[in-house]
Amino acid sequence: MTNSDSPATPAKPSKRNAILLGIAALALVIVLAVFVWWFFSARWRSNTDDAYVGGNVVAVTPLTSGTVVAIFADTAQAVNEGQLLVQLDDSDAHLQLDSAEAALAAAVREVRGLYAINRGNFPLIAQRRADLARAQAELASSNAALAQAEAEFKRREMLVEQNFISAENLQSAKTSRDAARAQHDAALSAVQAANAAITQSVDQASVASARVDNTSLENHPNVRTAAVKVREAALALARTQVIAPVSGQVAKRSVQIGERVQPGNALLALVPLDKVWLDANFKETELRDVRIGQPVKITSDFYGSSVIFHGQVTGLAPGTGAAFALLPAQNATGNWVKIVQRLPVRIALDNKELQQHPLRIGLSANATIDTHDRSGAALTVLPNNTAIAATSIYAQDLKAADARVAQIIADNLGSK
């Protein structure tokens, strides 16, 4: 038999064992690497791709009714807080303001007259009292003259009886007595009239004083009532200009030229893109170690994985999406199948990163929460009294109205 007819030599057992050993070692390394990755990284991470950018959608509505005559902002345009967006017809508002200003000016002048009357009553009362004193002096003088005339008449009457004087002398004394009596009666009437005049003046002064007591001209009820009308008219005029309550991007413009709008009608919406956040929906099995304040890394589908946003967990929703659905799931049925629920987690984003890479509401994103630090609270604490959002643009209208009222009052005070 030749060598070519001999059977093939089988592989050496030592080589096969070496291959198997290498495969086992590789598998062990892979398992060990996975374990190390899980132990040092994966078990401290909760991630989801069910995350979407959220933000405030501020509806812009008019505060008064009117016809649209101009529009100054359109969809996708950036606007600043206080910027004019829509102009309503202000013809009627101007007329109402003019009427209210005229009424305020008239009220100021009328109240000035009340103060003048009140001040004039004091010297008038003093004059009436002087008149009374003068009348009382004249009455005292007439009393003396009447007493003297009476005594003279009686003396002459006795002399006539004794025939010492003629009847003509008695008649002259009687005439003098009657004149003195008439003068006395006139003086008495003058005193009574002076007393009545004082009483009338005091009553008039009381009425005039009651109209201006304990108040200044600016705070007089008549002036304040007219001033309120001016403020109302000034606000109505200012509100014909629909201004932006916040800075942001215009969205959903629905208003058109010539449209008749009413208070509460949504004309357009503003989205402040510098104040957006992320709502990440995590499975309930992934949230055991999630705490408020933990850092989050985010990538958006809009920019891709090359742009990484950094955020922070600010709170977990009080219920799952199914709990707040329009038609909540009814699990008390015979064909129930358990489904893992998702819970929204609110994540705040870094403002500087948003300025460099703006996000839009509704964009999808991936979120990964680092759960190393688990010392934070699982529930949010009670908030303080600081407003989470505020605008001061409407207060400016009232300040302008107050300045207008003060100017009208000053213009009608007259020289002092």
Protein backbone atom coordinates (compact mmCIF):
# COMPACT_ATOMS: atom_id res chain seq x y z
CA MET A 1 0.00 0.00 0.00
CA THR A 2 1.29 3.44 -0.92
CA ASN A 3 1.20 6.62 1.09
CA SER A 4 -1.51 8.14 -1.17
CA ASP A 5 -3.88 5.36 -0.22
CA SER A 6 -3.60 6.05 3.52
CA PRO A 7 -6.59 7.87 5.29
CA ALA A 8 -6.46 11.68 6.23
CA THR A 9 -4.77 12.44 9.48
CA PRO A 10 -7.31 13.87 12.04
CA ALA A 11 -6.70 17.33 13.66
CA LYS A 12 -4.71 17.36 16.81
CA PRO A 13 -6.83 17.61 19.96
CA SER A 14 -4.57 20.34 21.33
CA LYS A 15 -5.34 22.70 18.41
CA ARG A 16 -9.10 22.25 18.73
CA ASN A 17 -8.92 22.86 22.42
CA ALA A 18 -6.99 26.03 21.84
CA ILE A 19 -9.69 27.35 19.46
CA LEU A 20 -12.44 26.53 21.90
CA LEU A 21 -10.48 28.10 24.71
CA GLY A 22 -10.01 31.28 22.65
CA ILE A 23 -13.70 31.47 21.90
CA ALA A 24 -14.53 31.00 25.56
CA ALA A 25 -11.99 33.65 26.55
CA LEU A 26 -13.45 36.09 24.01
CA ALA A 27 -16.95 35.42 25.27
CA LEU A 28 -15.75 35.93 28.83
CA VAL A 29 -14.11 39.23 27.87
CA ILE A 30 -17.30 40.38 26.15
CA VAL A 31 -19.39 39.41 29.15
CA LEU A 32 -16.93 41.07 31.48
CA ALA A 33 -16.89 44.22 29.33
CA VAL A 34 -20.67 44.32 29.28
CA PHE A 35 -20.74 43.85 33.04
CA VAL A 36 -18.17 46.58 33.57
CA TRP A 37 -20.13 48.90 31.22
CA TRP A 38 -23.34 48.13 33.07
CA PHE A 39 -21.76 48.44 36.52
CA PHE A 40 -19.99 51.71 35.92
CA SER A 41 -22.31 53.36 33.37
CA ALA A 42 -25.50 51.71 32.22
CA ARG A 43 -27.03 51.11 35.62
CA TRP A 44 -26.63 54.83 36.37
CA ARG A 45 -28.47 55.86 33.22
CA SER A 46 -32.13 56.14 32.25
CA ASN A 47 -32.74 57.03 28.63
CA THR A 48 -35.63 57.38 26.24
CA ASP A 49 -36.22 58.49 22.68
CA ASP A 50 -39.84 59.36 23.50
CA ALA A 51 -39.08 63.00 24.29
CA TYR A 52 -40.44 66.19 22.77
CA VAL A 53 -39.69 69.88 23.11
CA GLY A 54 -42.40 71.82 24.96
CA GLY A 55 -43.00 75.52 25.47
CA ASN A 56 -45.51 78.26 26.18
CA VAL A 57 -47.93 79.23 23.45
CA VAL A 58 -49.08 82.74 24.41
CA ALA A 59 -52.37 83.68 22.80
CA VAL A 60 -52.58 87.34 21.80
CA THR A 61 -56.12 88.65 22.28
CA PRO A 62 -57.58 92.18 22.14
CA LEU A 63 -58.81 93.85 25.32
CA THR A 64 -61.45 95.86 23.49
CA SER A 65 -63.64 95.40 20.43
CA GLY A 66 -62.85 97.07 17.14
CA THR A 67 -62.09 96.75 13.46
CA VAL A 68 -58.59 95.74 12.40
CA VAL A 69 -56.95 98.50 10.34
CA ALA A 70 -53.30 97.35 10.38
CA ILE A 71 -51.25 94.21 11.10
CA PHE A 72 -47.57 94.51 11.99
CA ALA A 73 -46.49 90.88 12.53
CA ASP A 74 -46.78 87.65 10.57
CA THR A 75 -46.12 83.96 11.16
CA ALA A 76 -42.46 83.04 11.85
CA GLN A 77 -41.56 86.68 12.57
CA ALA A 78 -39.70 87.57 15.76
CA VAL A 79 -41.25 90.25 17.98
CA ASN A 80 -40.21 91.94 21.22
CA GLU A 81 -42.27 92.45 24.35
CA GLY A 82 -44.35 95.62 24.00
CA GLN A 83 -44.15 95.69 20.19
CA LEU A 84 -47.27 96.74 18.27
CA LEU A 85 -48.85 93.73 16.57
CA VAL A 86 -52.36 94.79 15.50
CA GLN A 87 -53.97 98.24 15.27
CA LEU A 88 -57.73 98.61 15.75
CA ASP A 89 -59.80 101.58 14.59
CA ASP A 90 -59.52 104.23 17.34
CA SER A 91 -61.88 106.98 16.10
CA ASP A 92 -64.59 106.31 18.69
CA ALA A 93 -62.00 105.92 21.45
CA HIS A 94 -60.56 109.36 20.65
CA LEU A 95 -64.02 110.96 20.87
CA GLN A 96 -64.76 109.28 24.18
CA LEU A 97 -61.43 110.42 25.58
CA ASP A 98 -62.03 114.01 24.49
CA SER A 99 -65.45 113.97 26.15
CA ALA A 100 -64.05 112.50 29.38
CA GLU A 101 -61.23 115.06 29.48
CA ALA A 102 -63.69 117.92 29.04
CA ALA A 103 -65.85 116.50 31.84
CA LEU A 104 -62.81 116.27 34.12
CA ALA A 105 -61.81 119.87 33.38
CA ALA A 106 -65.37 121.02 34.16
CA ALA A 107 -65.38 119.01 37.40
CA VAL A 108 -62.09 120.59 38.50
CA ARG A 109 -63.41 124.07 37.86
CA GLU A 110 -66.69 123.29 39.64
CA VAL A 111 -64.87 121.99 42.69
CA ARG A 112 -62.62 125.04 42.64
CA GLY A 113 -65.85 127.07 42.89
CA LEU A 114 -66.97 124.99 45.87
CA TYR A 115 -63.71 125.70 47.66
CA ALA A 116 -64.01 129.40 46.82
CA ILE A 117 -67.56 129.51 48.17
CA ASN A 118 -66.46 127.73 51.31
CA ARG A 119 -63.61 130.17 51.83
CA GLY A 120 -65.91 133.14 51.10
CA ASN A 121 -68.40 132.07 53.76
CA PHE A 122 -66.02 132.84 56.63
CA PRO A 123 -65.61 136.59 55.93
CA LEU A 124 -69.33 136.75 55.10
CA ILE A 125 -70.21 135.36 58.51
CA ALA A 126 -67.81 137.84 60.11
CA GLN A 127 -69.51 140.66 58.21
CA ARG A 128 -72.94 139.46 59.33
CA ARG A 129 -71.79 139.45 62.92
CA ALA A 130 -70.42 142.96 62.54
CA ASP A 131 -73.79 144.00 61.16
CA LEU A 132 -75.47 142.44 64.18
CA ALA A 133 -73.17 144.29 66.56
CA ARG A 134 -73.90 147.56 64.75
CA ALA A 135 -77.65 146.86 64.88
CA GLN A 136 -77.44 146.03 68.59
CA ALA A 137 -75.59 149.29 69.20
CA GLU A 138 -78.27 151.20 67.31
CA LEU A 139 -80.93 149.35 69.31
CA ALA A 140 -79.26 150.35 72.56
CA SER A 141 -79.10 153.95 71.34
CA SER A 142 -82.76 153.89 70.34
CA ASN A 143 -83.67 152.42 73.73
CA ALA A 144 -82.02 155.37 75.42
CA ALA A 145 -83.64 157.85 73.08
CA LEU A 146 -87.04 156.21 73.59
CA ALA A 147 -86.67 156.28 77.39
CA GLN A 148 -85.72 159.96 77.24
CA ALA A 149 -88.65 160.76 74.95
CA GLU A 150 -91.06 158.88 77.23
CA ALA A 151 -89.79 160.75 80.28
CA GLU A 152 -90.04 164.09 78.49
CA PHE A 153 -93.59 163.33 77.35
CA LYS A 154 -94.68 162.42 80.89
CA ARG A 155 -93.05 165.51 82.34
CA ARG A 156 -94.83 167.80 79.85
CA GLU A 157 -98.06 165.94 80.42
CA MET A 158 -97.87 166.84 84.12
CA LEU A 159 -97.05 170.46 83.26
CA VAL A 160 -100.06 170.68 80.97
CA GLU A 161 -102.30 169.46 83.75
CA GLN A 162 -100.90 172.28 85.91
CA ASN A 163 -101.33 174.75 83.06
CA PHE A 164 -97.64 175.59 83.02
CA ILE A 165 -97.23 174.86 79.31
CA SER A 166 -99.51 174.82 76.31
CA ALA A 167 -101.01 171.79 74.60
CA GLU A 168 -98.79 172.40 71.59
CA ASN A 169 -95.71 171.69 73.71
CA LEU A 170 -97.28 168.38 74.82
CA GLN A 171 -98.03 167.47 71.24
CA SER A 172 -94.41 168.13 70.24
CA ALA A 173 -93.20 165.84 73.04
CA LYS A 174 -95.65 163.16 71.94
CA THR A 175 -94.39 163.41 68.36
CA SER A 176 -90.79 163.05 69.56
CA ARG A 177 -91.78 160.05 71.67
CA ASP A 178 -93.52 158.36 68.74
CA ALA A 179 -90.49 158.99 66.52
CA ALA A 180 -88.19 157.51 69.15
CA ARG A 181 -90.47 154.48 69.46
CA ALA A 182 -90.48 153.99 65.68
CA GLN A 183 -86.70 154.24 65.60
CA HIS A 184 -86.52 151.70 68.42
CA ASP A 185 -88.78 149.31 66.52
CA ALA A 186 -86.63 149.72 63.40
CA ALA A 187 -83.47 149.03 65.39
CA LEU A 188 -85.07 145.94 66.92
CA SER A 189 -86.06 144.70 63.47
CA ALA A 190 -82.51 145.31 62.26
CA VAL A 191 -81.14 143.16 65.10
CA GLN A 192 -83.57 140.38 64.29
CA ALA A 193 -82.67 140.60 60.59
CA ALA A 194 -78.95 140.48 61.44
CA ASN A 195 -79.52 137.39 63.58
CA ALA A 196 -81.46 135.74 60.75
CA ALA A 197 -78.71 136.64 58.26
CA ILE A 198 -76.09 135.08 60.55
CA THR A 199 -78.14 131.89 60.86
CA GLN A 200 -78.57 131.70 57.09
CA SER A 201 -74.88 132.31 56.46
CA VAL A 202 -73.88 129.65 58.98
CA ASP A 203 -76.23 127.14 57.32
CA GLN A 204 -74.86 127.97 53.89
CA ALA A 205 -71.33 127.64 55.21
CA SER A 206 -72.17 124.24 56.68
CA VAL A 207 -73.52 123.04 53.34
CA ALA A 208 -70.51 124.40 51.46
CA SER A 209 -68.12 122.96 54.01
CA ALA A 210 -69.78 119.53 53.80
CA ARG A 211 -68.97 119.47 50.07
CA VAL A 212 -65.23 119.96 50.59
CA ASP A 213 -64.50 118.79 54.14
CA ASN A 214 -61.56 116.43 54.70
CA THR A 215 -60.51 116.29 51.07
CA SER A 216 -58.26 118.04 48.59
CA LEU A 217 -59.22 119.16 45.12
CA GLU A 218 -57.48 116.18 43.50
CA ASN A 219 -59.25 113.72 45.83
CA HIS A 220 -62.66 115.36 45.73
CA PRO A 221 -65.35 112.79 44.80
CA ASN A 222 -66.50 114.79 41.78
CA VAL A 223 -62.95 115.07 40.45
CA ARG A 224 -62.17 111.43 41.16
CA THR A 225 -65.33 110.30 39.37
CA ALA A 226 -64.44 112.35 36.32
CA ALA A 227 -60.83 111.13 36.52
CA VAL A 228 -62.00 107.51 36.45
CA LYS A 229 -63.86 108.25 33.23
CA VAL A 230 -60.70 109.72 31.72
CA ARG A 231 -58.69 106.67 32.77
CA GLU A 232 -61.29 104.35 31.28
CA ALA A 233 -61.31 106.29 28.02
CA ALA A 234 -57.50 106.48 27.92
CA LEU A 235 -57.23 102.74 28.51
CA ALA A 236 -59.83 102.07 25.81
CA LEU A 237 -57.78 104.17 23.40
CA ALA A 238 -54.50 102.49 24.38
CA ARG A 239 -56.09 99.07 24.00
CA THR A 240 -56.88 99.70 20.36
CA GLN A 241 -53.22 98.84 19.96
CA VAL A 242 -52.73 95.10 20.49
CA ILE A 243 -49.16 94.69 21.71
CA ALA A 244 -46.95 91.68 22.35
CA PRO A 245 -47.11 90.53 26.00
CA VAL A 246 -43.84 88.58 25.62
CA SER A 247 -40.93 88.31 23.23
CA GLY A 248 -40.97 85.38 20.87
CA GLN A 249 -41.83 84.01 17.46
CA VAL A 250 -45.23 84.61 15.88
CA ALA A 251 -47.30 81.48 15.23
CA LYS A 252 -50.81 80.81 13.95
CA ARG A 253 -51.74 84.30 12.77
CA SER A 254 -55.45 84.23 11.99
CA VAL A 255 -56.41 87.92 12.06
CA GLN A 256 -57.14 89.74 8.80
CA ILE A 257 -57.52 93.38 7.76
CA GLY A 258 -61.09 94.64 8.20
CA GLU A 259 -62.03 91.90 10.62
CA ARG A 260 -64.26 92.87 13.53
CA VAL A 261 -62.69 91.44 16.68
CA GLN A 262 -63.99 91.08 20.21
CA PRO A 263 -62.18 90.74 23.56
CA GLY A 264 -60.95 87.18 23.91
CA ASN A 265 -60.62 86.46 20.18
CA ALA A 266 -57.26 84.80 19.44
CA LEU A 267 -55.56 86.95 16.81
CA LEU A 268 -52.23 85.14 16.80
CA ALA A 269 -49.91 83.22 19.11
CA LEU A 270 -46.39 83.91 20.37
CA VAL A 271 -43.86 81.22 21.26
CA PRO A 272 -40.93 82.33 23.48
CA LEU A 273 -38.26 79.96 22.14
CA ASP A 274 -35.80 81.03 24.85
CA LYS A 275 -38.01 79.44 27.50
CA VAL A 276 -38.68 75.96 26.08
CA TRP A 277 -38.27 72.70 27.99
CA LEU A 278 -38.26 68.97 27.32
CA ASP A 279 -41.00 66.52 28.22
CA ALA A 280 -39.40 63.06 28.23
CA ASN A 281 -41.71 60.05 28.58
CA PHE A 282 -39.90 57.29 30.49
CA LYS A 283 -41.17 53.80 31.21
CA GLU A 284 -42.31 53.37 34.77
CA THR A 285 -39.66 50.67 35.24
CA GLU A 286 -36.92 53.21 34.47
CA LEU A 287 -37.84 55.89 37.00
CA ARG A 288 -37.05 54.25 40.33
CA ASP A 289 -33.78 56.14 40.75
CA VAL A 290 -34.75 59.39 39.02
CA ARG A 291 -34.65 62.43 41.31
CA ILE A 292 -35.19 66.17 40.89
CA GLY A 293 -31.99 68.01 40.04
CA GLN A 294 -30.24 65.14 38.24
CA PRO A 295 -28.34 66.15 35.07
CA VAL A 296 -29.61 65.17 31.64
CA LYS A 297 -27.92 64.91 28.25
CA ILE A 298 -30.14 65.54 25.27
CA THR A 299 -29.74 65.18 21.55
CA SER A 300 -32.40 66.33 19.12
CA ASP A 301 -33.29 64.83 15.77
CA PHE A 302 -33.23 68.39 14.41
CA TYR A 303 -29.48 68.87 14.98
CA GLY A 304 -28.38 65.25 15.24
CA SER A 305 -25.98 63.65 17.71
CA SER A 306 -23.26 66.24 17.05
CA VAL A 307 -25.08 68.83 19.19
CA ILE A 308 -25.56 67.86 22.82
CA PHE A 309 -27.86 69.84 25.09
CA HIS A 310 -27.54 69.75 28.86
CA GLY A 311 -30.55 69.91 31.13
CA GLN A 312 -31.78 69.16 34.60
CA VAL A 313 -34.75 67.23 35.93
CA THR A 314 -37.25 69.68 37.43
CA GLY A 315 -40.09 67.31 38.22
CA LEU A 316 -42.11 64.24 37.39
CA ALA A 317 -45.70 64.46 36.25
CA PRO A 318 -48.31 63.48 38.87
CA GLY A 319 -49.80 60.85 36.54
CA THR A 320 -49.18 58.86 33.41
CA GLY A 321 -50.37 59.91 30.00
CA ALA A 322 -53.12 57.27 30.11
CA ALA A 323 -54.48 58.72 33.37
CA PHE A 324 -55.08 62.11 31.76
CA ALA A 325 -56.29 60.84 28.40
CA LEU A 326 -59.67 61.94 27.09
CA LEU A 327 -60.80 58.30 27.26
CA PRO A 328 -58.78 56.66 30.06
CA ALA A 329 -58.08 52.97 29.68
CA GLN A 330 -60.47 50.66 31.53
CA ASN A 331 -58.41 47.76 32.86
CA ALA A 332 -61.19 46.12 34.87
CA THR A 333 -62.08 43.80 31.98
CA GLY A 334 -61.73 40.09 31.36
CA ASN A 335 -59.27 40.49 28.48
CA TRP A 336 -56.84 42.72 30.35
CA VAL A 337 -53.26 42.80 29.12
CA LYS A 338 -50.61 44.52 31.21
CA ILE A 339 -48.82 47.34 29.37
CA VAL A 340 -45.86 49.22 30.77
CA GLN A 341 -46.95 52.83 31.32
CA ARG A 342 -44.90 55.94 30.58
CA LEU A 343 -44.57 58.93 32.90
CA PRO A 344 -43.63 62.43 31.62
CA VAL A 345 -40.49 63.94 33.15
CA ARG A 346 -40.02 67.72 32.86
CA ILE A 347 -36.44 68.71 31.97
CA ALA A 348 -35.15 72.28 31.99
CA LEU A 349 -32.72 73.26 29.22
CA ASP A 350 -29.70 75.53 29.31
CA ASN A 351 -30.54 79.02 27.98
CA LYS A 352 -27.09 79.66 26.51
CA GLU A 353 -27.24 76.43 24.52
CA LEU A 354 -30.73 77.35 23.33
CA GLN A 355 -29.42 80.67 22.05
CA GLN A 356 -26.74 78.91 20.06
CA HIS A 357 -29.03 76.13 18.79
CA PRO A 358 -32.70 77.17 19.03
CA LEU A 359 -35.29 74.43 19.37
CA ARG A 360 -38.92 74.51 18.24
CA ILE A 361 -41.93 73.21 20.09
CA GLY A 362 -42.78 69.64 19.19
CA LEU A 363 -39.33 68.54 18.01
CA SER A 364 -38.36 65.01 19.06
CA ALA A 365 -35.26 64.28 21.12
CA ASN A 366 -33.33 61.62 23.00
CA ALA A 367 -32.79 62.11 26.73
CA THR A 368 -30.41 60.34 29.09
CA ILE A 369 -30.62 60.98 32.83
CA ASP A 370 -27.55 60.50 35.01
CA THR A 371 -28.86 58.92 38.23
CA HIS A 372 -25.57 58.79 40.16
CA ASP A 373 -26.71 61.44 42.62
CA ARG A 374 -29.92 60.17 44.21
CA SER A 375 -30.04 62.61 47.12
CA GLY A 376 -32.64 64.85 45.48
CA ALA A 377 -36.36 64.84 46.20
CA ALA A 378 -38.72 62.57 44.34
CA LEU A 379 -41.52 65.16 44.51
CA THR A 380 -41.38 68.91 43.98
CA VAL A 381 -41.66 71.14 47.04
CA LEU A 382 -44.26 73.86 47.43
CA PRO A 383 -43.44 76.85 45.18
CA ASN A 384 -42.80 80.35 46.47
CA ASN A 385 -44.97 83.34 45.61
CA THR A 386 -42.80 84.41 42.68
CA ALA A 387 -44.66 84.40 39.37
CA ILE A 388 -43.39 81.84 36.86
CA ALA A 389 -44.33 84.25 34.08
CA ALA A 390 -45.25 87.94 34.13
CA THR A 391 -45.54 90.99 31.91
CA SER A 392 -45.66 94.69 32.76
CA ILE A 393 -46.77 96.09 29.41
CA TYR A 394 -50.37 96.65 30.48
CA ALA A 395 -49.31 98.63 33.56
CA GLN A 396 -47.76 101.21 31.24
CA ASP A 397 -51.21 102.05 29.87
CA LEU A 398 -52.51 102.88 33.35
CA LYS A 399 -49.44 104.99 34.14
CA ALA A 400 -49.99 107.00 30.96
CA ALA A 401 -53.66 107.48 31.90
CA ASP A 402 -52.68 108.69 35.40
CA ALA A 403 -50.25 111.18 33.88
CA ARG A 404 -52.98 112.44 31.57
CA VAL A 405 -55.36 112.96 34.50
CA ALA A 406 -52.71 114.82 36.52
CA GLN A 407 -51.99 117.13 33.57
CA ILE A 408 -55.67 118.00 33.06
CA ILE A 409 -56.09 118.79 36.75
CA ALA A 410 -52.97 120.97 36.74
CA ASP A 411 -54.14 122.85 33.63
CA ASN A 412 -57.46 123.74 35.27
CA LEU A 413 -56.29 124.72 38.73
CA GLY A 414 -55.82 128.33 37.72
CA SER A 415 -53.38 130.80 39.26
CA LYS A 416 -52.85 130.63 42.97
